[in-house]
N, C-alpha and C. Protein backbone atom coordinates (compact mmCIF):
# COMPACT_ATOMS: atom_id res chain seq x y z
N UNK A 1 0.86 -1.19 0.00
CA UNK A 1 0.00 0.00 0.00
C UNK A 1 0.89 1.24 0.00
N UNK A 2 0.61 2.15 -0.91
CA UNK A 2 1.36 3.40 -1.02
C UNK A 2 0.43 4.53 -0.63
N UNK A 3 0.79 5.28 0.41
CA UNK A 3 -0.10 6.30 0.96
C UNK A 3 0.49 7.67 0.69
N UNK A 4 -0.35 8.57 0.17
CA UNK A 4 0.04 9.96 -0.09
C UNK A 4 -0.84 10.87 0.74
N UNK A 5 -0.24 11.70 1.60
CA UNK A 5 -1.00 12.62 2.44
C UNK A 5 -0.51 14.03 2.17
N UNK A 6 -1.42 14.95 2.02
CA UNK A 6 -1.05 16.36 1.88
C UNK A 6 -1.86 17.16 2.86
N UNK A 7 -1.52 18.49 2.96
CA UNK A 7 -2.23 19.34 3.90
C UNK A 7 -3.63 19.67 3.39
N UNK A 8 -3.92 19.35 2.13
CA UNK A 8 -5.23 19.68 1.58
C UNK A 8 -6.09 18.43 1.45
N UNK A 9 -5.53 17.38 0.88
CA UNK A 9 -6.30 16.15 0.68
C UNK A 9 -5.48 14.95 1.15
N UNK A 10 -6.16 13.87 1.39
CA UNK A 10 -5.50 12.62 1.74
C UNK A 10 -5.92 11.57 0.72
N UNK A 11 -4.95 11.05 -0.01
CA UNK A 11 -5.22 10.08 -1.06
C UNK A 11 -4.50 8.78 -0.75
N UNK A 12 -5.15 7.67 -0.99
CA UNK A 12 -4.54 6.35 -0.77
C UNK A 12 -4.45 5.65 -2.12
N UNK A 13 -3.26 5.22 -2.48
CA UNK A 13 -3.04 4.55 -3.77
C UNK A 13 -2.35 3.22 -3.54
N UNK A 14 -2.73 2.26 -4.36
CA UNK A 14 -1.98 1.00 -4.43
C UNK A 14 -0.98 1.14 -5.57
N UNK A 15 0.28 0.98 -5.24
CA UNK A 15 1.32 1.10 -6.26
C UNK A 15 1.62 -0.28 -6.84
N UNK A 16 1.20 -0.53 -8.08
CA UNK A 16 1.48 -1.85 -8.68
C UNK A 16 2.97 -2.08 -8.81
N UNK A 17 3.37 -3.32 -8.74
CA UNK A 17 4.81 -3.61 -8.80
C UNK A 17 5.39 -3.38 -10.18
N UNK A 18 4.54 -3.33 -11.19
CA UNK A 18 5.07 -3.05 -12.53
C UNK A 18 5.10 -1.56 -12.83
N UNK A 19 4.65 -0.72 -11.88
CA UNK A 19 4.71 0.73 -12.03
C UNK A 19 5.41 1.29 -10.80
N UNK A 20 6.57 1.88 -10.99
CA UNK A 20 7.39 2.31 -9.87
C UNK A 20 7.30 3.82 -9.61
N UNK A 21 6.48 4.53 -10.38
CA UNK A 21 6.43 5.99 -10.23
C UNK A 21 4.99 6.43 -10.01
N UNK A 22 4.80 7.26 -9.00
CA UNK A 22 3.52 7.95 -8.78
C UNK A 22 3.75 9.43 -9.06
N UNK A 23 2.86 10.06 -9.81
CA UNK A 23 2.99 11.47 -10.17
C UNK A 23 1.76 12.23 -9.70
N UNK A 24 2.01 13.37 -9.06
CA UNK A 24 0.93 14.23 -8.57
C UNK A 24 1.15 15.64 -9.09
N UNK A 25 0.06 16.35 -9.33
CA UNK A 25 0.12 17.72 -9.83
C UNK A 25 -0.40 18.68 -8.76
N UNK A 26 0.19 19.86 -8.72
CA UNK A 26 -0.25 20.87 -7.76
C UNK A 26 -0.01 22.25 -8.36
N UNK A 27 -0.96 23.17 -8.17
CA UNK A 27 -0.84 24.54 -8.70
C UNK A 27 -0.48 25.50 -7.58
N UNK A 28 0.37 26.48 -7.93
CA UNK A 28 0.78 27.50 -6.98
C UNK A 28 0.45 28.88 -7.52
N UNK A 29 0.03 29.79 -6.64
CA UNK A 29 -0.12 31.19 -7.00
C UNK A 29 1.26 31.83 -7.08
N UNK A 30 1.31 33.05 -7.59
CA UNK A 30 2.58 33.78 -7.66
C UNK A 30 3.01 34.21 -6.27
N UNK A 31 4.33 34.39 -6.12
CA UNK A 31 4.93 34.94 -4.89
C UNK A 31 4.62 34.08 -3.66
N UNK A 32 4.87 32.79 -3.80
CA UNK A 32 4.61 31.86 -2.70
C UNK A 32 5.92 31.29 -2.14
N UNK A 33 5.91 31.05 -0.83
CA UNK A 33 6.92 30.21 -0.20
C UNK A 33 6.27 28.86 0.05
N UNK A 34 6.85 27.83 -0.52
CA UNK A 34 6.30 26.48 -0.36
C UNK A 34 7.22 25.67 0.53
N UNK A 35 6.63 25.02 1.52
CA UNK A 35 7.40 24.21 2.46
C UNK A 35 6.69 22.88 2.68
N UNK A 36 7.42 21.93 3.18
CA UNK A 36 6.81 20.65 3.49
C UNK A 36 7.87 19.59 3.76
N UNK A 37 7.43 18.35 3.77
CA UNK A 37 8.38 17.26 4.00
C UNK A 37 7.82 15.96 3.42
N UNK A 38 8.74 15.06 3.12
CA UNK A 38 8.43 13.67 2.77
C UNK A 38 8.85 12.80 3.95
N UNK A 39 8.02 11.83 4.28
CA UNK A 39 8.37 10.92 5.38
C UNK A 39 7.92 9.51 5.02
N UNK A 40 8.85 8.68 4.49
CA UNK A 40 8.47 7.30 4.13
C UNK A 40 8.58 6.36 5.34
N UNK A 41 7.68 5.41 5.40
CA UNK A 41 7.82 4.35 6.40
C UNK A 41 8.62 3.20 5.79
N UNK A 42 9.20 2.41 6.66
CA UNK A 42 10.07 1.33 6.19
C UNK A 42 9.27 0.26 5.45
N UNK A 43 9.65 0.03 4.19
CA UNK A 43 9.07 -1.07 3.45
C UNK A 43 10.01 -2.27 3.51
N UNK A 44 9.88 -3.12 2.54
CA UNK A 44 10.74 -4.32 2.48
C UNK A 44 11.54 -4.29 1.19
N UNK A 45 12.86 -4.10 1.32
CA UNK A 45 13.77 -4.10 0.17
C UNK A 45 13.38 -3.01 -0.84
N UNK A 46 13.12 -1.78 -0.35
CA UNK A 46 12.77 -0.69 -1.27
C UNK A 46 13.30 0.64 -0.76
N UNK A 47 13.49 1.55 -1.68
CA UNK A 47 13.88 2.91 -1.35
C UNK A 47 13.06 3.86 -2.21
N UNK A 48 13.05 5.15 -1.81
CA UNK A 48 12.22 6.14 -2.50
C UNK A 48 13.08 7.28 -3.02
N UNK A 49 12.76 7.69 -4.24
CA UNK A 49 13.36 8.88 -4.83
C UNK A 49 12.23 9.86 -5.16
N UNK A 50 12.41 11.12 -4.76
CA UNK A 50 11.35 12.11 -5.00
C UNK A 50 11.91 13.29 -5.77
N UNK A 51 11.06 13.85 -6.64
CA UNK A 51 11.41 15.03 -7.43
C UNK A 51 10.20 15.95 -7.50
N UNK A 52 10.44 17.24 -7.25
CA UNK A 52 9.41 18.26 -7.46
C UNK A 52 9.93 19.18 -8.56
N UNK A 53 9.18 19.29 -9.66
CA UNK A 53 9.65 20.10 -10.78
C UNK A 53 8.53 20.98 -11.31
N UNK A 54 8.93 22.06 -11.97
CA UNK A 54 7.99 22.98 -12.59
C UNK A 54 7.59 22.44 -13.96
N UNK A 55 6.29 22.42 -14.24
CA UNK A 55 5.80 21.86 -15.50
C UNK A 55 6.19 22.75 -16.67
N UNK A 56 6.12 24.08 -16.48
CA UNK A 56 6.32 25.01 -17.60
C UNK A 56 7.74 24.98 -18.14
N UNK A 57 8.74 24.89 -17.25
CA UNK A 57 10.13 24.94 -17.72
C UNK A 57 10.94 23.70 -17.32
N UNK A 58 10.27 22.70 -16.75
CA UNK A 58 10.94 21.45 -16.33
C UNK A 58 12.09 21.70 -15.36
N UNK A 59 12.02 22.81 -14.63
CA UNK A 59 13.07 23.11 -13.66
C UNK A 59 12.84 22.29 -12.40
N UNK A 60 13.89 21.65 -11.90
CA UNK A 60 13.79 20.84 -10.69
C UNK A 60 13.88 21.76 -9.48
N UNK A 61 12.85 21.73 -8.64
CA UNK A 61 12.81 22.56 -7.44
C UNK A 61 13.29 21.80 -6.21
N UNK A 62 13.15 20.49 -6.23
CA UNK A 62 13.63 19.67 -5.12
C UNK A 62 13.89 18.26 -5.65
N UNK A 63 14.98 17.67 -5.13
CA UNK A 63 15.30 16.29 -5.53
C UNK A 63 16.00 15.59 -4.37
N UNK A 64 15.57 14.38 -4.10
CA UNK A 64 16.25 13.55 -3.09
C UNK A 64 16.30 12.13 -3.63
N UNK A 65 17.50 11.58 -3.84
CA UNK A 65 17.62 10.26 -4.48
C UNK A 65 17.31 9.09 -3.56
N UNK A 66 17.36 9.32 -2.25
CA UNK A 66 17.13 8.19 -1.34
C UNK A 66 16.63 8.73 0.00
N UNK A 67 15.33 8.73 0.19
CA UNK A 67 14.77 9.23 1.44
C UNK A 67 15.06 8.25 2.57
N UNK A 68 15.37 8.82 3.74
CA UNK A 68 15.62 7.99 4.91
C UNK A 68 14.30 7.54 5.52
N UNK A 69 14.10 6.24 5.68
CA UNK A 69 12.82 5.76 6.24
C UNK A 69 12.59 6.28 7.66
N UNK A 70 11.32 6.58 7.94
CA UNK A 70 10.88 7.02 9.26
C UNK A 70 11.50 8.34 9.70
N UNK A 71 11.99 9.12 8.74
CA UNK A 71 12.50 10.46 9.03
C UNK A 71 11.90 11.44 8.04
N UNK A 72 11.81 12.68 8.49
CA UNK A 72 11.26 13.72 7.62
C UNK A 72 12.37 14.38 6.80
N UNK A 73 12.18 14.38 5.51
CA UNK A 73 13.09 15.11 4.62
C UNK A 73 12.37 16.37 4.17
N UNK A 74 12.82 17.51 4.67
CA UNK A 74 12.13 18.78 4.44
C UNK A 74 12.54 19.41 3.11
N UNK A 75 11.64 20.19 2.55
CA UNK A 75 11.94 20.96 1.34
C UNK A 75 11.31 22.35 1.46
N UNK A 76 11.88 23.28 0.71
CA UNK A 76 11.38 24.66 0.71
C UNK A 76 11.86 25.35 -0.56
N UNK A 77 10.97 26.10 -1.20
CA UNK A 77 11.36 26.87 -2.38
C UNK A 77 10.39 28.03 -2.56
N UNK A 78 10.81 29.01 -3.37
CA UNK A 78 10.03 30.23 -3.61
C UNK A 78 9.76 30.34 -5.11
N UNK A 79 8.54 30.76 -5.46
CA UNK A 79 8.22 31.02 -6.87
C UNK A 79 7.68 32.43 -7.03
N UNK A 80 8.16 33.12 -8.07
CA UNK A 80 7.70 34.49 -8.35
C UNK A 80 6.46 34.50 -9.24
N UNK A 81 6.35 33.53 -10.11
CA UNK A 81 5.23 33.45 -11.05
C UNK A 81 4.34 32.25 -10.68
N UNK A 82 3.08 32.28 -11.15
CA UNK A 82 2.23 31.10 -10.93
C UNK A 82 2.86 29.86 -11.58
N UNK A 83 2.77 28.75 -10.89
CA UNK A 83 3.40 27.53 -11.40
C UNK A 83 2.49 26.33 -11.21
N UNK A 84 2.64 25.39 -12.13
CA UNK A 84 2.06 24.06 -11.95
C UNK A 84 3.20 23.11 -11.63
N UNK A 85 3.07 22.42 -10.51
CA UNK A 85 4.13 21.52 -10.07
C UNK A 85 3.80 20.08 -10.40
N UNK A 86 4.86 19.33 -10.65
CA UNK A 86 4.73 17.90 -10.85
C UNK A 86 5.60 17.23 -9.79
N UNK A 87 4.97 16.37 -9.00
CA UNK A 87 5.67 15.68 -7.91
C UNK A 87 5.80 14.21 -8.28
N UNK A 88 7.04 13.75 -8.46
CA UNK A 88 7.31 12.35 -8.77
C UNK A 88 7.77 11.64 -7.50
N UNK A 89 7.16 10.54 -7.19
CA UNK A 89 7.62 9.67 -6.11
C UNK A 89 7.90 8.30 -6.73
N UNK A 90 9.18 7.94 -6.73
CA UNK A 90 9.60 6.70 -7.40
C UNK A 90 10.01 5.66 -6.36
N UNK A 91 9.50 4.48 -6.52
CA UNK A 91 9.82 3.35 -5.65
C UNK A 91 10.79 2.42 -6.38
N UNK A 92 11.93 2.14 -5.76
CA UNK A 92 12.94 1.29 -6.39
C UNK A 92 13.33 0.16 -5.44
N UNK A 93 13.47 -1.04 -5.95
CA UNK A 93 13.97 -2.14 -5.10
C UNK A 93 15.47 -1.96 -4.85
N UNK A 94 15.86 -2.22 -3.63
CA UNK A 94 17.29 -2.11 -3.32
C UNK A 94 18.06 -3.24 -4.01
N UNK A 95 17.52 -4.42 -3.93
CA UNK A 95 18.10 -5.58 -4.62
C UNK A 95 17.04 -6.13 -5.58
N UNK A 96 17.23 -5.95 -6.89
CA UNK A 96 16.21 -6.38 -7.86
C UNK A 96 15.92 -7.88 -7.82
N UNK A 97 16.83 -8.66 -7.25
CA UNK A 97 16.65 -10.11 -7.23
C UNK A 97 15.83 -10.59 -6.04
N UNK A 98 15.49 -9.67 -5.14
CA UNK A 98 14.72 -10.03 -3.94
C UNK A 98 13.36 -9.37 -4.02
N UNK A 99 12.27 -10.07 -3.68
CA UNK A 99 10.94 -9.44 -3.68
C UNK A 99 10.90 -8.24 -2.72
N UNK A 100 10.11 -7.27 -3.07
CA UNK A 100 10.01 -6.07 -2.22
C UNK A 100 8.54 -5.78 -1.94
N UNK A 101 8.32 -5.08 -0.84
CA UNK A 101 6.99 -4.61 -0.47
C UNK A 101 7.09 -3.11 -0.18
N UNK A 102 6.24 -2.30 -0.84
CA UNK A 102 6.30 -0.86 -0.58
C UNK A 102 5.78 -0.52 0.81
N UNK A 103 6.35 0.55 1.38
CA UNK A 103 5.85 1.05 2.67
C UNK A 103 4.81 2.14 2.44
N UNK A 104 4.83 3.14 3.29
CA UNK A 104 3.90 4.26 3.18
C UNK A 104 4.70 5.55 3.06
N UNK A 105 4.09 6.53 2.40
CA UNK A 105 4.74 7.83 2.23
C UNK A 105 3.80 8.92 2.71
N UNK A 106 4.29 9.77 3.60
CA UNK A 106 3.53 10.95 4.03
C UNK A 106 4.18 12.18 3.42
N UNK A 107 3.35 13.02 2.80
CA UNK A 107 3.82 14.27 2.23
C UNK A 107 3.03 15.42 2.84
N UNK A 108 3.74 16.31 3.50
CA UNK A 108 3.13 17.55 4.00
C UNK A 108 3.52 18.66 3.05
N UNK A 109 2.51 19.38 2.54
CA UNK A 109 2.76 20.37 1.48
C UNK A 109 1.89 21.58 1.74
N UNK A 110 2.49 22.72 1.98
CA UNK A 110 1.71 23.94 2.20
C UNK A 110 2.48 25.15 1.68
N UNK A 111 1.74 26.19 1.35
CA UNK A 111 2.36 27.39 0.79
C UNK A 111 1.72 28.63 1.39
N UNK A 112 2.46 29.72 1.37
CA UNK A 112 1.98 31.00 1.88
C UNK A 112 2.68 32.11 1.10
N UNK A 113 2.12 33.33 1.18
CA UNK A 113 2.71 34.44 0.46
C UNK A 113 4.09 34.77 1.03
N UNK A 114 5.01 35.12 0.14
CA UNK A 114 6.38 35.44 0.52
C UNK A 114 6.43 36.86 1.08
N UNK A 115 6.11 37.00 2.36
CA UNK A 115 6.07 38.33 2.98
C UNK A 115 7.46 38.86 3.31
N UNK A 116 8.52 38.09 3.03
CA UNK A 116 9.88 38.63 3.17
C UNK A 116 10.16 39.64 2.05
N UNK A 117 9.46 39.51 0.94
CA UNK A 117 9.55 40.49 -0.15
C UNK A 117 8.67 41.68 0.21
N UNK A 118 9.26 42.88 0.24
CA UNK A 118 8.52 44.07 0.69
C UNK A 118 7.30 44.36 -0.17
N UNK A 119 7.46 44.23 -1.49
CA UNK A 119 6.33 44.50 -2.39
C UNK A 119 5.21 43.49 -2.18
N UNK A 120 5.59 42.22 -2.02
CA UNK A 120 4.58 41.18 -1.79
C UNK A 120 3.91 41.39 -0.44
N UNK A 121 4.72 41.71 0.57
CA UNK A 121 4.16 41.95 1.90
C UNK A 121 3.19 43.13 1.87
N UNK A 122 3.57 44.17 1.10
CA UNK A 122 2.71 45.35 1.02
C UNK A 122 1.38 45.02 0.35
N UNK A 123 1.43 44.29 -0.77
CA UNK A 123 0.21 44.02 -1.54
C UNK A 123 -0.65 42.91 -0.94
N UNK A 124 -0.02 41.95 -0.25
CA UNK A 124 -0.78 40.80 0.24
C UNK A 124 -0.95 40.75 1.75
N UNK A 125 -0.24 41.60 2.47
CA UNK A 125 -0.37 41.58 3.93
C UNK A 125 -0.70 42.96 4.49
N UNK A 126 0.15 43.96 4.16
CA UNK A 126 -0.02 45.28 4.77
C UNK A 126 -1.28 45.97 4.26
N UNK A 127 -1.41 46.07 2.93
CA UNK A 127 -2.58 46.77 2.36
C UNK A 127 -3.90 46.09 2.72
N UNK A 128 -4.02 44.75 2.62
CA UNK A 128 -5.28 44.14 3.07
C UNK A 128 -5.56 44.38 4.55
N UNK A 129 -4.49 44.38 5.37
CA UNK A 129 -4.70 44.64 6.81
C UNK A 129 -5.18 46.06 7.04
N UNK A 130 -4.58 47.03 6.32
CA UNK A 130 -5.01 48.43 6.45
C UNK A 130 -6.44 48.58 5.97
N UNK A 131 -6.76 47.92 4.86
CA UNK A 131 -8.13 47.98 4.33
C UNK A 131 -9.13 47.42 5.34
N UNK A 132 -8.76 46.31 5.97
CA UNK A 132 -9.64 45.72 6.98
C UNK A 132 -9.80 46.65 8.17
N UNK A 133 -8.71 47.32 8.57
CA UNK A 133 -8.78 48.26 9.69
C UNK A 133 -9.68 49.44 9.35
N UNK A 134 -9.58 49.94 8.09
CA UNK A 134 -10.43 51.05 7.67
C UNK A 134 -11.89 50.63 7.67
N UNK A 135 -12.17 49.42 7.14
CA UNK A 135 -13.55 48.92 7.14
C UNK A 135 -14.06 48.75 8.57
N UNK A 136 -13.19 48.26 9.45
CA UNK A 136 -13.59 48.09 10.85
C UNK A 136 -13.85 49.45 11.50
N UNK A 137 -13.00 50.44 11.16
CA UNK A 137 -13.20 51.78 11.71
C UNK A 137 -14.53 52.37 11.24
N UNK A 138 -14.86 52.16 9.94
CA UNK A 138 -16.14 52.65 9.42
C UNK A 138 -17.30 51.97 10.13
N UNK A 139 -17.20 50.66 10.30
CA UNK A 139 -18.26 49.92 10.98
C UNK A 139 -18.41 50.38 12.42
N UNK A 140 -17.27 50.60 13.09
CA UNK A 140 -17.30 51.08 14.47
C UNK A 140 -17.93 52.47 14.55
N UNK A 141 -17.60 53.33 13.56
CA UNK A 141 -18.18 54.67 13.53
C UNK A 141 -19.69 54.60 13.34
N UNK A 142 -20.14 53.71 12.44
CA UNK A 142 -21.58 53.54 12.23
C UNK A 142 -22.28 53.06 13.50
N UNK A 143 -21.64 52.12 14.20
CA UNK A 143 -22.22 51.61 15.45
C UNK A 143 -22.31 52.72 16.48
N UNK A 144 -21.25 53.54 16.57
CA UNK A 144 -21.25 54.65 17.53
C UNK A 144 -22.34 55.65 17.19
N UNK A 145 -22.47 55.98 15.88
CA UNK A 145 -23.49 56.95 15.46
C UNK A 145 -24.89 56.42 15.76
N UNK A 146 -25.12 55.14 15.47
CA UNK A 146 -26.44 54.56 15.74
C UNK A 146 -26.72 54.52 17.24
N UNK A 147 -25.71 54.18 18.01
CA UNK A 147 -25.87 54.15 19.47
C UNK A 147 -26.17 55.54 20.00
N UNK A 148 -25.46 56.55 19.47
CA UNK A 148 -25.68 57.93 19.90
C UNK A 148 -27.08 58.39 19.53
N UNK A 149 -27.53 58.03 18.31
CA UNK A 149 -28.88 58.42 17.88
C UNK A 149 -29.94 57.77 18.78
N UNK A 150 -29.75 56.49 19.10
CA UNK A 150 -30.71 55.83 19.98
C UNK A 150 -30.67 56.42 21.37
N UNK A 151 -29.48 56.80 21.83
CA UNK A 151 -29.35 57.43 23.15
C UNK A 151 -30.08 58.76 23.19
N UNK A 152 -29.88 59.58 22.14
CA UNK A 152 -30.56 60.88 22.08
C UNK A 152 -32.07 60.70 21.98
N UNK A 153 -32.51 59.71 21.21
CA UNK A 153 -33.94 59.45 21.09
C UNK A 153 -34.53 59.04 22.43
N UNK A 154 -33.79 58.19 23.16
CA UNK A 154 -34.26 57.75 24.47
C UNK A 154 -34.35 58.92 25.44
N UNK A 155 -33.31 59.79 25.42
CA UNK A 155 -33.33 60.97 26.30
C UNK A 155 -34.47 61.91 25.92
N UNK A 156 -34.74 62.04 24.60
CA UNK A 156 -35.84 62.90 24.16
C UNK A 156 -37.17 62.36 24.66
N UNK A 157 -37.33 61.02 24.59
CA UNK A 157 -38.56 60.40 25.10
C UNK A 157 -38.68 60.63 26.60
N UNK A 158 -37.55 60.48 27.31
CA UNK A 158 -37.57 60.69 28.76
C UNK A 158 -37.91 62.14 29.09
N UNK A 159 -37.33 63.08 28.32
CA UNK A 159 -37.64 64.50 28.56
C UNK A 159 -39.10 64.79 28.28
N UNK A 160 -39.61 64.22 27.17
CA UNK A 160 -41.02 64.46 26.84
C UNK A 160 -41.94 63.84 27.90
N UNK A 161 -41.53 62.68 28.42
CA UNK A 161 -42.33 62.07 29.48
C UNK A 161 -42.30 62.90 30.75
N UNK A 162 -41.11 63.46 31.06
CA UNK A 162 -41.02 64.33 32.23
C UNK A 162 -41.87 65.58 32.05
N UNK A 163 -41.82 66.16 30.83
CA UNK A 163 -42.63 67.35 30.55
C UNK A 163 -44.11 67.02 30.65
N UNK A 164 -44.49 65.87 30.07
CA UNK A 164 -45.89 65.45 30.12
C UNK A 164 -46.33 65.20 31.56
N UNK A 165 -45.46 64.56 32.34
CA UNK A 165 -45.79 64.30 33.75
C UNK A 165 -45.96 65.61 34.52
N UNK A 166 -45.05 66.57 34.27
CA UNK A 166 -45.15 67.87 34.95
C UNK A 166 -46.42 68.59 34.53
N UNK A 167 -46.75 68.54 33.24
CA UNK A 167 -47.97 69.21 32.76
C UNK A 167 -49.21 68.60 33.37
N UNK A 168 -49.27 67.27 33.39
CA UNK A 168 -50.43 66.58 33.98
C UNK A 168 -50.55 66.90 35.46
N UNK A 169 -49.42 66.90 36.15
CA UNK A 169 -49.43 67.22 37.59
C UNK A 169 -49.92 68.64 37.83
N UNK A 170 -49.40 69.58 37.03
CA UNK A 170 -49.81 70.98 37.19
C UNK A 170 -51.29 71.16 36.90
N UNK A 171 -51.78 70.54 35.80
CA UNK A 171 -53.20 70.66 35.46
C UNK A 171 -54.09 70.01 36.52
N UNK A 172 -53.64 68.90 37.07
CA UNK A 172 -54.41 68.24 38.13
C UNK A 172 -54.50 69.14 39.36
N UNK A 173 -53.36 69.73 39.72
CA UNK A 173 -53.35 70.63 40.89
C UNK A 173 -54.22 71.86 40.63
N UNK A 174 -54.11 72.42 39.41
CA UNK A 174 -54.91 73.60 39.08
C UNK A 174 -56.40 73.26 39.11
N UNK A 175 -56.76 72.10 38.57
CA UNK A 175 -58.17 71.66 38.58
C UNK A 175 -58.67 71.50 40.02
N UNK A 176 -57.80 70.94 40.87
CA UNK A 176 -58.17 70.77 42.27
C UNK A 176 -58.40 72.12 42.95
N UNK A 177 -57.50 73.08 42.69
CA UNK A 177 -57.64 74.42 43.28
C UNK A 177 -58.93 75.08 42.80
N UNK A 178 -59.21 74.99 41.50
CA UNK A 178 -60.44 75.58 40.95
C UNK A 178 -61.66 74.91 41.57
N UNK A 179 -61.60 73.57 41.68
CA UNK A 179 -62.72 72.83 42.28
C UNK A 179 -62.98 73.30 43.71
N UNK A 180 -61.90 73.41 44.50
CA UNK A 180 -62.05 73.87 45.89
C UNK A 180 -62.58 75.29 45.92
N UNK A 181 -62.05 76.15 45.06
CA UNK A 181 -62.49 77.55 45.02
C UNK A 181 -63.96 77.67 44.67
N UNK A 182 -64.38 76.91 43.64
CA UNK A 182 -65.79 76.96 43.22
C UNK A 182 -66.70 76.46 44.34
N UNK A 183 -66.28 75.38 45.01
CA UNK A 183 -67.09 74.85 46.12
C UNK A 183 -67.19 75.83 47.28
N UNK A 184 -66.09 76.49 47.60
CA UNK A 184 -66.14 77.50 48.66
C UNK A 184 -67.05 78.66 48.28
N UNK A 185 -66.96 79.07 47.02
CA UNK A 185 -67.81 80.17 46.54
C UNK A 185 -69.28 79.77 46.62
N UNK A 186 -69.60 78.53 46.21
CA UNK A 186 -70.98 78.05 46.27
C UNK A 186 -71.47 77.98 47.72
N UNK A 187 -70.60 77.53 48.62
CA UNK A 187 -70.99 77.45 50.03
C UNK A 187 -71.26 78.84 50.61
N UNK A 188 -70.45 79.80 50.22
CA UNK A 188 -70.67 81.18 50.70
C UNK A 188 -72.00 81.72 50.19
N UNK A 189 -72.29 81.44 48.92
CA UNK A 189 -73.55 81.92 48.36
C UNK A 189 -74.75 81.27 49.05
N UNK A 190 -74.64 79.97 49.30
CA UNK A 190 -75.74 79.27 49.99
C UNK A 190 -75.91 79.81 51.41
N UNK A 191 -74.77 80.02 52.09
CA UNK A 191 -74.84 80.57 53.45
C UNK A 191 -75.49 81.95 53.45
N UNK A 192 -75.13 82.79 52.48
CA UNK A 192 -75.71 84.14 52.38
C UNK A 192 -77.20 84.06 52.09
N UNK A 193 -77.60 83.08 51.22
CA UNK A 193 -79.01 82.91 50.89
C UNK A 193 -79.81 82.52 52.14
N UNK A 194 -79.25 81.57 52.90
CA UNK A 194 -79.95 81.14 54.12
C UNK A 194 -80.05 82.26 55.14
N UNK A 195 -79.02 83.10 55.25
CA UNK A 195 -79.07 84.21 56.20
C UNK A 195 -80.14 85.22 55.77
N UNK A 196 -80.22 85.43 54.44
CA UNK A 196 -81.25 86.38 53.97
C UNK A 196 -82.64 85.84 54.28
N UNK A 197 -82.83 84.57 54.21
CA UNK A 197 -84.13 83.97 54.50
C UNK A 197 -84.33 83.70 55.99
N UNK A 198 -83.27 84.11 56.74
CA UNK A 198 -83.30 83.94 58.20
C UNK A 198 -83.50 82.47 58.58
N UNK A 199 -82.89 81.63 57.77
CA UNK A 199 -82.93 80.21 58.10
C UNK A 199 -81.74 79.82 58.96
N UNK A 200 -80.77 80.69 59.06
CA UNK A 200 -79.61 80.45 59.92
C UNK A 200 -79.58 81.49 61.02
């Protein structure tokens, strides 16, 4: 069983004994730093040779003729232009006269923008970060403005309620005073009427 693992997908392949090479394709954006490692497990009477090359110009980016079993062989390279990569993993018997059994191969493969380059860092890290900060500042400003508007509206409602409460209280008191005054006036008139009739 020949196992291929990457940071994006995990694929399991059976490597037939009459086919000693597995080939994988991978695309890269421009201005990437690509890093990773190959880690073969011990098979029986076999060794691994790996090659990573650019499809467009057949340039070899990484080559190892004999990976050490159960150890990580790291690789790293930088590309300025978009590239399609071809990854060859070749299985070879150490002694062709002895039967062999393939082991397993783990490949960790990941890429990121080359922020060591000032122009790349500016276009892919600094400028997007500044843009995000500006958008966040705008959003924060909108939230503050909406909060302030709601606060002012709430205070206006509270002020209007206080004014309404004061007006109702004043009108109630005024009505009470008028009521008392009218009743006193009526009582005086009745008392005067009774005195005139000599009923009191």
